[in-house]
Amino acid sequence: MGAFIWYVPVMIASDLLRGLVQGGGDLPSHMQGMTAGDHVLRGIERSGLFSVGQIGVDASGDLASLGGPAVEQIIDGMRDPLERTMIKAAPAHGLYAEALR
């Protein structure tokens, strides 16, 4: 575990950089208002330090994700509005999804 701890700052930096790129210089709405502690916790979760337990952490908010991306998208398509589902299904949606909201 100690060998992987350096992934945490790398994940924090990559999340912030990706957020700035997606937001066109500003952080996206889901990252605004996050404290340093929130970024560290997100970095720990995304770095893989929880090993196999990460599956449970990731699925805690949405059990449909346990079935994989296809099952999750089908379930989301049934419960979300059509336009939101279409945006999430489009390739590279992270680059322009924030602008369409």
PDB file of N, CA and C in Angstrom:
ATOM      1  N   MET A   1       0.825  -1.195   0.000  1.00  0.00           N
ATOM      2  CA  MET A   1       0.000   0.000   0.000  1.00  0.00           C
ATOM      3  C   MET A   1       0.865   1.253   0.000  1.00  0.00           C
ATOM      4  N   GLY A   2       1.980   1.198   0.704  1.00  0.00           N
ATOM      5  CA  GLY A   2       2.841   2.371   0.778  1.00  0.00           C
ATOM      6  C   GLY A   2       3.402   2.776  -0.570  1.00  0.00           C
ATOM      7  N   ALA A   3       3.628   1.794  -1.440  1.00  0.00           N
ATOM      8  CA  ALA A   3       4.174   2.094  -2.762  1.00  0.00           C
ATOM      9  C   ALA A   3       3.162   2.834  -3.632  1.00  0.00           C
ATOM     10  N   PHE A   4       1.890   2.682  -3.341  1.00  0.00           N
ATOM     11  CA  PHE A   4       0.851   3.303  -4.156  1.00  0.00           C
ATOM     12  C   PHE A   4       0.366   4.644  -3.612  1.00  0.00           C
ATOM     13  N   ILE A   5       0.855   5.046  -2.452  1.00  0.00           N
ATOM     14  CA  ILE A   5       0.361   6.282  -1.830  1.00  0.00           C
ATOM     15  C   ILE A   5       0.685   7.513  -2.679  1.00  0.00           C
ATOM     16  N   TRP A   6       1.706   7.438  -3.501  1.00  0.00           N
ATOM     17  CA  TRP A   6       2.051   8.598  -4.335  1.00  0.00           C
ATOM     18  C   TRP A   6       1.018   8.812  -5.446  1.00  0.00           C
ATOM     19  N   TYR A   7       0.146   7.841  -5.669  1.00  0.00           N
ATOM     20  CA  TYR A   7      -0.913   8.029  -6.663  1.00  0.00           C
ATOM     21  C   TYR A   7      -1.925   9.088  -6.223  1.00  0.00           C
ATOM     22  N   VAL A   8      -2.061   9.286  -4.921  1.00  0.00           N
ATOM     23  CA  VAL A   8      -3.069  10.224  -4.419  1.00  0.00           C
ATOM     24  C   VAL A   8      -2.818  11.649  -4.933  1.00  0.00           C
ATOM     25  N   PRO A   9      -1.619  12.226  -4.749  1.00  0.00           N
ATOM     26  CA  PRO A   9      -1.437  13.580  -5.294  1.00  0.00           C
ATOM     27  C   PRO A   9      -1.511  13.631  -6.816  1.00  0.00           C
ATOM     28  N   VAL A  10      -1.118  12.547  -7.471  1.00  0.00           N
ATOM     29  CA  VAL A  10      -1.220  12.502  -8.932  1.00  0.00           C
ATOM     30  C   VAL A  10      -2.691  12.543  -9.347  1.00  0.00           C
ATOM     31  N   MET A  11      -3.550  11.803  -8.651  1.00  0.00           N
ATOM     32  CA  MET A  11      -4.973  11.802  -8.977  1.00  0.00           C
ATOM     33  C   MET A  11      -5.624  13.143  -8.664  1.00  0.00           C
ATOM     34  N   ILE A  12      -5.201  13.781  -7.565  1.00  0.00           N
ATOM     35  CA  ILE A  12      -5.744  15.099  -7.239  1.00  0.00           C
ATOM     36  C   ILE A  12      -5.391  16.090  -8.349  1.00  0.00           C
ATOM     37  N   ALA A  13      -4.120  16.086  -8.753  1.00  0.00           N
ATOM     38  CA  ALA A  13      -3.685  17.005  -9.811  1.00  0.00           C
ATOM     39  C   ALA A  13      -4.382  16.701 -11.134  1.00  0.00           C
ATOM     40  N   SER A  14      -4.534  15.421 -11.468  1.00  0.00           N
ATOM     41  CA  SER A  14      -5.182  15.086 -12.741  1.00  0.00           C
ATOM     42  C   SER A  14      -6.663  15.437 -12.718  1.00  0.00           C
ATOM     43  N   ASP A  15      -7.330  15.248 -11.584  1.00  0.00           N
ATOM     44  CA  ASP A  15      -8.742  15.634 -11.486  1.00  0.00           C
ATOM     45  C   ASP A  15      -8.915  17.145 -11.640  1.00  0.00           C
ATOM     46  N   LEU A  16      -8.045  17.910 -10.985  1.00  0.00           N
ATOM     47  CA  LEU A  16      -8.145  19.365 -11.091  1.00  0.00           C
ATOM     48  C   LEU A  16      -7.838  19.835 -12.504  1.00  0.00           C
ATOM     49  N   LEU A  17      -6.818  19.271 -13.118  1.00  0.00           N
ATOM     50  CA  LEU A  17      -6.468  19.658 -14.485  1.00  0.00           C
ATOM     51  C   LEU A  17      -7.582  19.295 -15.456  1.00  0.00           C
ATOM     52  N   ARG A  18      -8.127  18.082 -15.312  1.00  0.00           N
ATOM     53  CA  ARG A  18      -9.230  17.677 -16.183  1.00  0.00           C
ATOM     54  C   ARG A  18     -10.443  18.585 -15.980  1.00  0.00           C
ATOM     55  N   GLY A  19     -10.728  18.936 -14.720  1.00  0.00           N
ATOM     56  CA  GLY A  19     -11.842  19.832 -14.446  1.00  0.00           C
ATOM     57  C   GLY A  19     -11.652  21.198 -15.078  1.00  0.00           C
ATOM     58  N   LEU A  20     -10.430  21.699 -15.043  1.00  0.00           N
ATOM     59  CA  LEU A  20     -10.154  22.996 -15.664  1.00  0.00           C
ATOM     60  C   LEU A  20     -10.279  22.933 -17.174  1.00  0.00           C
ATOM     61  N   VAL A  21      -9.838  21.827 -17.778  1.00  0.00           N
ATOM     62  CA  VAL A  21      -9.959  21.674 -19.227  1.00  0.00           C
ATOM     63  C   VAL A  21     -11.433  21.559 -19.620  1.00  0.00           C
ATOM     64  N   GLN A  22     -12.182  20.732 -18.885  1.00  0.00           N
ATOM     65  CA  GLN A  22     -13.601  20.562 -19.200  1.00  0.00           C
ATOM     66  C   GLN A  22     -14.393  21.833 -18.964  1.00  0.00           C
ATOM     67  N   GLY A  23     -14.025  22.594 -17.959  1.00  0.00           N
ATOM     68  CA  GLY A  23     -14.762  23.812 -17.637  1.00  0.00           C
ATOM     69  C   GLY A  23     -14.283  25.028 -18.386  1.00  0.00           C
ATOM     70  N   GLY A  24     -13.304  24.873 -19.270  1.00  0.00           N
ATOM     71  CA  GLY A  24     -12.799  26.010 -20.030  1.00  0.00           C
ATOM     72  C   GLY A  24     -12.075  27.032 -19.166  1.00  0.00           C
ATOM     73  N   GLY A  25     -11.359  26.575 -18.154  1.00  0.00           N
ATOM     74  CA  GLY A  25     -10.616  27.470 -17.268  1.00  0.00           C
ATOM     75  C   GLY A  25     -11.237  27.597 -15.893  1.00  0.00           C
ATOM     76  N   ASP A  26     -12.487  27.221 -15.757  1.00  0.00           N
ATOM     77  CA  ASP A  26     -13.169  27.206 -14.462  1.00  0.00           C
ATOM     78  C   ASP A  26     -13.472  25.763 -14.102  1.00  0.00           C
ATOM     79  N   LEU A  27     -13.555  25.487 -12.811  1.00  0.00           N
ATOM     80  CA  LEU A  27     -13.914  24.138 -12.395  1.00  0.00           C
ATOM     81  C   LEU A  27     -15.377  23.873 -12.729  1.00  0.00           C
ATOM     82  N   PRO A  28     -15.712  22.635 -13.127  1.00  0.00           N
ATOM     83  CA  PRO A  28     -17.111  22.315 -13.409  1.00  0.00           C
ATOM     84  C   PRO A  28     -17.971  22.437 -12.150  1.00  0.00           C
ATOM     85  N   SER A  29     -19.261  22.477 -12.344  1.00  0.00           N
ATOM     86  CA  SER A  29     -20.178  22.705 -11.225  1.00  0.00           C
ATOM     87  C   SER A  29     -20.067  21.635 -10.147  1.00  0.00           C
ATOM     88  N   HIS A  30     -19.775  20.384 -10.533  1.00  0.00           N
ATOM     89  CA  HIS A  30     -19.687  19.330  -9.513  1.00  0.00           C
ATOM     90  C   HIS A  30     -18.407  19.416  -8.692  1.00  0.00           C
ATOM     91  N   MET A  31     -17.443  20.233  -9.099  1.00  0.00           N
ATOM     92  CA  MET A  31     -16.198  20.385  -8.341  1.00  0.00           C
ATOM     93  C   MET A  31     -16.112  21.720  -7.610  1.00  0.00           C
ATOM     94  N   GLN A  32     -17.000  22.642  -7.921  1.00  0.00           N
ATOM     95  CA  GLN A  32     -16.968  23.943  -7.248  1.00  0.00           C
ATOM     96  C   GLN A  32     -17.438  23.772  -5.815  1.00  0.00           C
ATOM     97  N   GLY A  33     -16.764  24.432  -4.916  1.00  0.00           N
ATOM     98  CA  GLY A  33     -17.118  24.353  -3.505  1.00  0.00           C
ATOM     99  C   GLY A  33     -16.482  23.184  -2.775  1.00  0.00           C
ATOM    100  N   MET A  34     -15.676  22.388  -3.463  1.00  0.00           N
ATOM    101  CA  MET A  34     -14.996  21.276  -2.795  1.00  0.00           C
ATOM    102  C   MET A  34     -13.837  21.823  -1.965  1.00  0.00           C
ATOM    103  N   THR A  35     -13.677  21.304  -0.756  1.00  0.00           N
ATOM    104  CA  THR A  35     -12.567  21.711   0.102  1.00  0.00           C
ATOM    105  C   THR A  35     -11.345  20.864  -0.218  1.00  0.00           C
ATOM    106  N   ALA A  36     -10.216  21.203   0.381  1.00  0.00           N
ATOM    107  CA  ALA A  36      -8.990  20.424   0.187  1.00  0.00           C
ATOM    108  C   ALA A  36      -9.199  18.986   0.664  1.00  0.00           C
ATOM    109  N   GLY A  37      -9.938  18.834   1.771  1.00  0.00           N
ATOM    110  CA  GLY A  37     -10.227  17.490   2.275  1.00  0.00           C
ATOM    111  C   GLY A  37     -11.060  16.670   1.300  1.00  0.00           C
ATOM    112  N   ASP A  38     -12.003  17.325   0.628  1.00  0.00           N
ATOM    113  CA  ASP A  38     -12.809  16.631  -0.375  1.00  0.00           C
ATOM    114  C   ASP A  38     -11.944  16.157  -1.532  1.00  0.00           C
ATOM    115  N   HIS A  39     -10.989  17.001  -1.948  1.00  0.00           N
ATOM    116  CA  HIS A  39     -10.097  16.617  -3.044  1.00  0.00           C
ATOM    117  C   HIS A  39      -9.195  15.456  -2.627  1.00  0.00           C
ATOM    118  N   VAL A  40      -8.719  15.470  -1.378  1.00  0.00           N
ATOM    119  CA  VAL A  40      -7.871  14.372  -0.899  1.00  0.00           C
ATOM    120  C   VAL A  40      -8.670  13.085  -0.846  1.00  0.00           C
ATOM    121  N   LEU A  41      -9.890  13.130  -0.328  1.00  0.00           N
ATOM    122  CA  LEU A  41     -10.716  11.926  -0.258  1.00  0.00           C
ATOM    123  C   LEU A  41     -11.015  11.392  -1.649  1.00  0.00           C
ATOM    124  N   ARG A  42     -11.328  12.276  -2.577  1.00  0.00           N
ATOM    125  CA  ARG A  42     -11.576  11.852  -3.957  1.00  0.00           C
ATOM    126  C   ARG A  42     -10.310  11.271  -4.577  1.00  0.00           C
ATOM    127  N   GLY A  43      -9.155  11.861  -4.275  1.00  0.00           N
ATOM    128  CA  GLY A  43      -7.882  11.331  -4.769  1.00  0.00           C
ATOM    129  C   GLY A  43      -7.590   9.948  -4.221  1.00  0.00           C
ATOM    130  N   ILE A  44      -7.916   9.721  -2.957  1.00  0.00           N
ATOM    131  CA  ILE A  44      -7.723   8.390  -2.362  1.00  0.00           C
ATOM    132  C   ILE A  44      -8.646   7.381  -3.025  1.00  0.00           C
ATOM    133  N   GLU A  45      -9.894   7.761  -3.229  1.00  0.00           N
ATOM    134  CA  GLU A  45     -10.837   6.849  -3.875  1.00  0.00           C
ATOM    135  C   GLU A  45     -10.408   6.520  -5.299  1.00  0.00           C
ATOM    136  N   ARG A  46      -9.985   7.531  -6.052  1.00  0.00           N
ATOM    137  CA  ARG A  46      -9.642   7.314  -7.462  1.00  0.00           C
ATOM    138  C   ARG A  46      -8.265   6.701  -7.666  1.00  0.00           C
ATOM    139  N   SER A  47      -7.421   6.705  -6.643  1.00  0.00           N
ATOM    140  CA  SER A  47      -6.075   6.169  -6.805  1.00  0.00           C
ATOM    141  C   SER A  47      -6.033   4.656  -6.734  1.00  0.00           C
ATOM    142  N   GLY A  48      -7.083   4.024  -6.269  1.00  0.00           N
ATOM    143  CA  GLY A  48      -7.113   2.567  -6.200  1.00  0.00           C
ATOM    144  C   GLY A  48      -6.571   2.003  -4.903  1.00  0.00           C
ATOM    145  N   LEU A  49      -6.418   2.823  -3.878  1.00  0.00           N
ATOM    146  CA  LEU A  49      -5.879   2.339  -2.613  1.00  0.00           C
ATOM    147  C   LEU A  49      -6.824   1.380  -1.905  1.00  0.00           C
ATOM    148  N   PHE A  50      -8.087   1.388  -2.256  1.00  0.00           N
ATOM    149  CA  PHE A  50      -9.043   0.483  -1.621  1.00  0.00           C
ATOM    150  C   PHE A  50      -9.031  -0.896  -2.265  1.00  0.00           C
ATOM    151  N   SER A  51      -8.250  -1.088  -3.308  1.00  0.00           N
ATOM    152  CA  SER A  51      -8.096  -2.364  -4.005  1.00  0.00           C
ATOM    153  C   SER A  51      -9.466  -2.879  -4.454  1.00  0.00           C
ATOM    154  N   VAL A  52      -9.779  -4.114  -4.163  1.00  0.00           N
ATOM    155  CA  VAL A  52     -11.045  -4.705  -4.591  1.00  0.00           C
ATOM    156  C   VAL A  52     -12.222  -4.029  -3.895  1.00  0.00           C
ATOM    157  N   GLY A  53     -12.020  -3.528  -2.709  1.00  0.00           N
ATOM    158  CA  GLY A  53     -13.078  -2.821  -1.988  1.00  0.00           C
ATOM    159  C   GLY A  53     -13.548  -1.573  -2.699  1.00  0.00           C
ATOM    160  N   GLN A  54     -12.775  -1.098  -3.660  1.00  0.00           N
ATOM    161  CA  GLN A  54     -13.158   0.092  -4.419  1.00  0.00           C
ATOM    162  C   GLN A  54     -14.447  -0.143  -5.194  1.00  0.00           C
ATOM    163  N   ILE A  55     -14.698  -1.387  -5.583  1.00  0.00           N
ATOM    164  CA  ILE A  55     -15.931  -1.706  -6.311  1.00  0.00           C
ATOM    165  C   ILE A  55     -17.146  -1.336  -5.473  1.00  0.00           C
ATOM    166  N   GLY A  56     -17.111  -1.681  -4.198  1.00  0.00           N
ATOM    167  CA  GLY A  56     -18.216  -1.345  -3.303  1.00  0.00           C
ATOM    168  C   GLY A  56     -18.330   0.145  -3.053  1.00  0.00           C
ATOM    169  N   VAL A  57     -17.189   0.819  -2.948  1.00  0.00           N
ATOM    170  CA  VAL A  57     -17.204   2.269  -2.736  1.00  0.00           C
ATOM    171  C   VAL A  57     -17.806   2.965  -3.955  1.00  0.00           C
ATOM    172  N   ASP A  58     -17.417   2.531  -5.137  1.00  0.00           N
ATOM    173  CA  ASP A  58     -17.940   3.144  -6.359  1.00  0.00           C
ATOM    174  C   ASP A  58     -19.425   2.866  -6.546  1.00  0.00           C
ATOM    175  N   ALA A  59     -19.875   1.695  -6.152  1.00  0.00           N
ATOM    176  CA  ALA A  59     -21.269   1.313  -6.362  1.00  0.00           C
ATOM    177  C   ALA A  59     -22.183   1.791  -5.249  1.00  0.00           C
ATOM    178  N   SER A  60     -21.640   2.398  -4.206  1.00  0.00           N
ATOM    179  CA  SER A  60     -22.482   2.797  -3.083  1.00  0.00           C
ATOM    180  C   SER A  60     -23.532   3.827  -3.487  1.00  0.00           C
ATOM    181  N   GLY A  61     -23.239   4.629  -4.484  1.00  0.00           N
ATOM    182  CA  GLY A  61     -24.213   5.625  -4.919  1.00  0.00           C
ATOM    183  C   GLY A  61     -25.169   5.105  -5.972  1.00  0.00           C
ATOM    184  N   ASP A  62     -24.781   4.072  -6.714  1.00  0.00           N
ATOM    185  CA  ASP A  62     -25.598   3.576  -7.816  1.00  0.00           C
ATOM    186  C   ASP A  62     -25.322   2.086  -8.013  1.00  0.00           C
ATOM    187  N   LEU A  63     -26.219   1.246  -7.566  1.00  0.00           N
ATOM    188  CA  LEU A  63     -26.007  -0.198  -7.659  1.00  0.00           C
ATOM    189  C   LEU A  63     -26.046  -0.708  -9.090  1.00  0.00           C
ATOM    190  N   ALA A  64     -26.606   0.052 -10.021  1.00  0.00           N
ATOM    191  CA  ALA A  64     -26.633  -0.364 -11.423  1.00  0.00           C
ATOM    192  C   ALA A  64     -25.228  -0.441 -12.002  1.00  0.00           C
ATOM    193  N   SER A  65     -24.283   0.289 -11.407  1.00  0.00           N
ATOM    194  CA  SER A  65     -22.918   0.285 -11.921  1.00  0.00           C
ATOM    195  C   SER A  65     -22.217  -1.049 -11.695  1.00  0.00           C
ATOM    196  N   LEU A  66     -22.728  -1.888 -10.812  1.00  0.00           N
ATOM    197  CA  LEU A  66     -22.125  -3.205 -10.595  1.00  0.00           C
ATOM    198  C   LEU A  66     -22.260  -4.090 -11.821  1.00  0.00           C
ATOM    199  N   GLY A  67     -23.249  -3.830 -12.661  1.00  0.00           N
ATOM    200  CA  GLY A  67     -23.452  -4.629 -13.867  1.00  0.00           C
ATOM    201  C   GLY A  67     -22.556  -4.227 -15.019  1.00  0.00           C
ATOM    202  N   GLY A  68     -21.828  -3.147 -14.866  1.00  0.00           N
ATOM    203  CA  GLY A  68     -20.959  -2.674 -15.936  1.00  0.00           C
ATOM    204  C   GLY A  68     -21.547  -1.463 -16.623  1.00  0.00           C
ATOM    205  N   PRO A  69     -20.788  -0.862 -17.533  1.00  0.00           N
ATOM    206  CA  PRO A  69     -21.247   0.374 -18.161  1.00  0.00           C
ATOM    207  C   PRO A  69     -22.502   0.210 -19.002  1.00  0.00           C
ATOM    208  N   ALA A  70     -22.659  -0.921 -19.690  1.00  0.00           N
ATOM    209  CA  ALA A  70     -23.839  -1.111 -20.533  1.00  0.00           C
ATOM    210  C   ALA A  70     -25.103  -1.208 -19.689  1.00  0.00           C
ATOM    211  N   VAL A  71     -25.048  -1.983 -18.616  1.00  0.00           N
ATOM    212  CA  VAL A  71     -26.212  -2.128 -17.731  1.00  0.00           C
ATOM    213  C   VAL A  71     -26.531  -0.789 -17.068  1.00  0.00           C
ATOM    214  N   GLU A  72     -25.491  -0.086 -16.633  1.00  0.00           N
ATOM    215  CA  GLU A  72     -25.702   1.211 -15.991  1.00  0.00           C
ATOM    216  C   GLU A  72     -26.361   2.201 -16.951  1.00  0.00           C
ATOM    217  N   GLN A  73     -25.939   2.176 -18.217  1.00  0.00           N
ATOM    218  CA  GLN A  73     -26.520   3.105 -19.189  1.00  0.00           C
ATOM    219  C   GLN A  73     -27.975   2.744 -19.493  1.00  0.00           C
ATOM    220  N   ILE A  74     -28.303   1.475 -19.530  1.00  0.00           N
ATOM    221  CA  ILE A  74     -29.689   1.052 -19.754  1.00  0.00           C
ATOM    222  C   ILE A  74     -30.573   1.503 -18.598  1.00  0.00           C
ATOM    223  N   ILE A  75     -30.108   1.284 -17.369  1.00  0.00           N
ATOM    224  CA  ILE A  75     -30.876   1.695 -16.188  1.00  0.00           C
ATOM    225  C   ILE A  75     -31.022   3.212 -16.156  1.00  0.00           C
ATOM    226  N   ASP A  76     -29.924   3.938 -16.439  1.00  0.00           N
ATOM    227  CA  ASP A  76     -29.998   5.404 -16.470  1.00  0.00           C
ATOM    228  C   ASP A  76     -30.953   5.887 -17.552  1.00  0.00           C
ATOM    229  N   GLY A  77     -30.999   5.186 -18.682  1.00  0.00           N
ATOM    230  CA  GLY A  77     -31.905   5.547 -19.766  1.00  0.00           C
ATOM    231  C   GLY A  77     -33.362   5.419 -19.377  1.00  0.00           C
ATOM    232  N   MET A  78     -33.651   4.496 -18.456  1.00  0.00           N
ATOM    233  CA  MET A  78     -35.031   4.316 -18.008  1.00  0.00           C
ATOM    234  C   MET A  78     -35.444   5.331 -16.957  1.00  0.00           C
ATOM    235  N   ARG A  79     -34.489   5.865 -16.188  1.00  0.00           N
ATOM    236  CA  ARG A  79     -34.882   6.760 -15.107  1.00  0.00           C
ATOM    237  C   ARG A  79     -34.537   8.230 -15.352  1.00  0.00           C
ATOM    238  N   ASP A  80     -33.623   8.522 -16.283  1.00  0.00           N
ATOM    239  CA  ASP A  80     -33.233   9.900 -16.572  1.00  0.00           C
ATOM    240  C   ASP A  80     -33.968  10.412 -17.810  1.00  0.00           C
ATOM    241  N   PRO A  81     -34.050  11.725 -17.976  1.00  0.00           N
ATOM    242  CA  PRO A  81     -34.639  12.268 -19.208  1.00  0.00           C
ATOM    243  C   PRO A  81     -33.810  11.866 -20.430  1.00  0.00           C
ATOM    244  N   LEU A  82     -34.455  11.789 -21.565  1.00  0.00           N
ATOM    245  CA  LEU A  82     -33.808  11.325 -22.790  1.00  0.00           C
ATOM    246  C   LEU A  82     -32.607  12.180 -23.178  1.00  0.00           C
ATOM    247  N   GLU A  83     -32.719  13.513 -23.049  1.00  0.00           N
ATOM    248  CA  GLU A  83     -31.603  14.362 -23.475  1.00  0.00           C
ATOM    249  C   GLU A  83     -30.358  14.148 -22.607  1.00  0.00           C
ATOM    250  N   ARG A  84     -30.558  13.909 -21.318  1.00  0.00           N
ATOM    251  CA  ARG A  84     -29.411  13.635 -20.433  1.00  0.00           C
ATOM    252  C   ARG A  84     -28.763  12.301 -20.795  1.00  0.00           C
ATOM    253  N   THR A  85     -29.574  11.306 -21.088  1.00  0.00           N
ATOM    254  CA  THR A  85     -29.043   9.999 -21.476  1.00  0.00           C
ATOM    255  C   THR A  85     -28.272  10.095 -22.778  1.00  0.00           C
ATOM    256  N   MET A  86     -28.784  10.861 -23.728  1.00  0.00           N
ATOM    257  CA  MET A  86     -28.099  11.001 -25.018  1.00  0.00           C
ATOM    258  C   MET A  86     -26.751  11.720 -24.864  1.00  0.00           C
ATOM    259  N   ILE A  87     -26.700  12.719 -24.016  1.00  0.00           N
ATOM    260  CA  ILE A  87     -25.436  13.428 -23.792  1.00  0.00           C
ATOM    261  C   ILE A  87     -24.416  12.497 -23.141  1.00  0.00           C
ATOM    262  N   LYS A  88     -24.854  11.724 -22.143  1.00  0.00           N
ATOM    263  CA  LYS A  88     -23.933  10.808 -21.468  1.00  0.00           C
ATOM    264  C   LYS A  88     -23.469   9.683 -22.383  1.00  0.00           C
ATOM    265  N   ALA A  89     -24.258   9.328 -23.386  1.00  0.00           N
ATOM    266  CA  ALA A  89     -23.909   8.237 -24.292  1.00  0.00           C
ATOM    267  C   ALA A  89     -23.003   8.688 -25.432  1.00  0.00           C
ATOM    268  N   ALA A  90     -22.913   9.976 -25.669  1.00  0.00           N
ATOM    269  CA  ALA A  90     -22.108  10.490 -26.785  1.00  0.00           C
ATOM    270  C   ALA A  90     -20.621  10.350 -26.484  1.00  0.00           C
ATOM    271  N   PRO A  91     -19.813  10.122 -27.520  1.00  0.00           N
ATOM    272  CA  PRO A  91     -18.370  10.012 -27.307  1.00  0.00           C
ATOM    273  C   PRO A  91     -17.772  11.340 -26.831  1.00  0.00           C
ATOM    274  N   ALA A  92     -16.807  11.243 -25.937  1.00  0.00           N
ATOM    275  CA  ALA A  92     -16.089  12.409 -25.390  1.00  0.00           C
ATOM    276  C   ALA A  92     -17.048  13.413 -24.762  1.00  0.00           C
ATOM    277  N   HIS A  93     -18.104  12.927 -24.125  1.00  0.00           N
ATOM    278  CA  HIS A  93     -19.108  13.831 -23.568  1.00  0.00           C
ATOM    279  C   HIS A  93     -18.557  14.703 -22.446  1.00  0.00           C
ATOM    280  N   GLY A  94     -17.500  14.283 -21.798  1.00  0.00           N
ATOM    281  CA  GLY A  94     -16.925  15.087 -20.738  1.00  0.00           C
ATOM    282  C   GLY A  94     -16.374  16.421 -21.215  1.00  0.00           C
ATOM    283  N   LEU A  95     -16.073  16.513 -22.489  1.00  0.00           N
ATOM    284  CA  LEU A  95     -15.509  17.743 -23.027  1.00  0.00           C
ATOM    285  C   LEU A  95     -16.557  18.824 -23.259  1.00  0.00           C
ATOM    286  N   TYR A  96     -17.797  18.422 -23.520  1.00  0.00           N
ATOM    287  CA  TYR A  96     -18.815  19.416 -23.840  1.00  0.00           C
ATOM    288  C   TYR A  96     -20.085  19.281 -23.016  1.00  0.00           C
ATOM    289  N   ALA A  97     -20.197  18.296 -22.159  1.00  0.00           N
ATOM    290  CA  ALA A  97     -21.413  18.085 -21.388  1.00  0.00           C
ATOM    291  C   ALA A  97     -21.712  19.272 -20.472  1.00  0.00           C
ATOM    292  N   GLU A  98     -20.677  19.865 -19.891  1.00  0.00           N
ATOM    293  CA  GLU A  98     -20.888  21.005 -18.991  1.00  0.00           C
ATOM    294  C   GLU A  98     -21.447  22.208 -19.741  1.00  0.00           C
ATOM    295  N   ALA A  99     -21.033  22.401 -20.974  1.00  0.00           N
ATOM    296  CA  ALA A  99     -21.523  23.525 -21.783  1.00  0.00           C
ATOM    297  C   ALA A  99     -22.986  23.351 -22.174  1.00  0.00           C
ATOM    298  N   LEU A 100     -23.439  22.105 -22.279  1.00  0.00           N
ATOM    299  CA  LEU A 100     -24.818  21.842 -22.678  1.00  0.00           C
ATOM    300  C   LEU A 100     -25.799  21.925 -21.524  1.00  0.00           C
ATOM    301  N   ARG A 101     -25.308  22.012 -20.303  1.00  0.00           N
ATOM    302  CA  ARG A 101     -26.210  22.078 -19.147  1.00  0.00           C
ATOM    303  C   ARG A 101     -26.733  23.459 -18.923  1.00  0.00           C
TER     304      ARG A 101
END
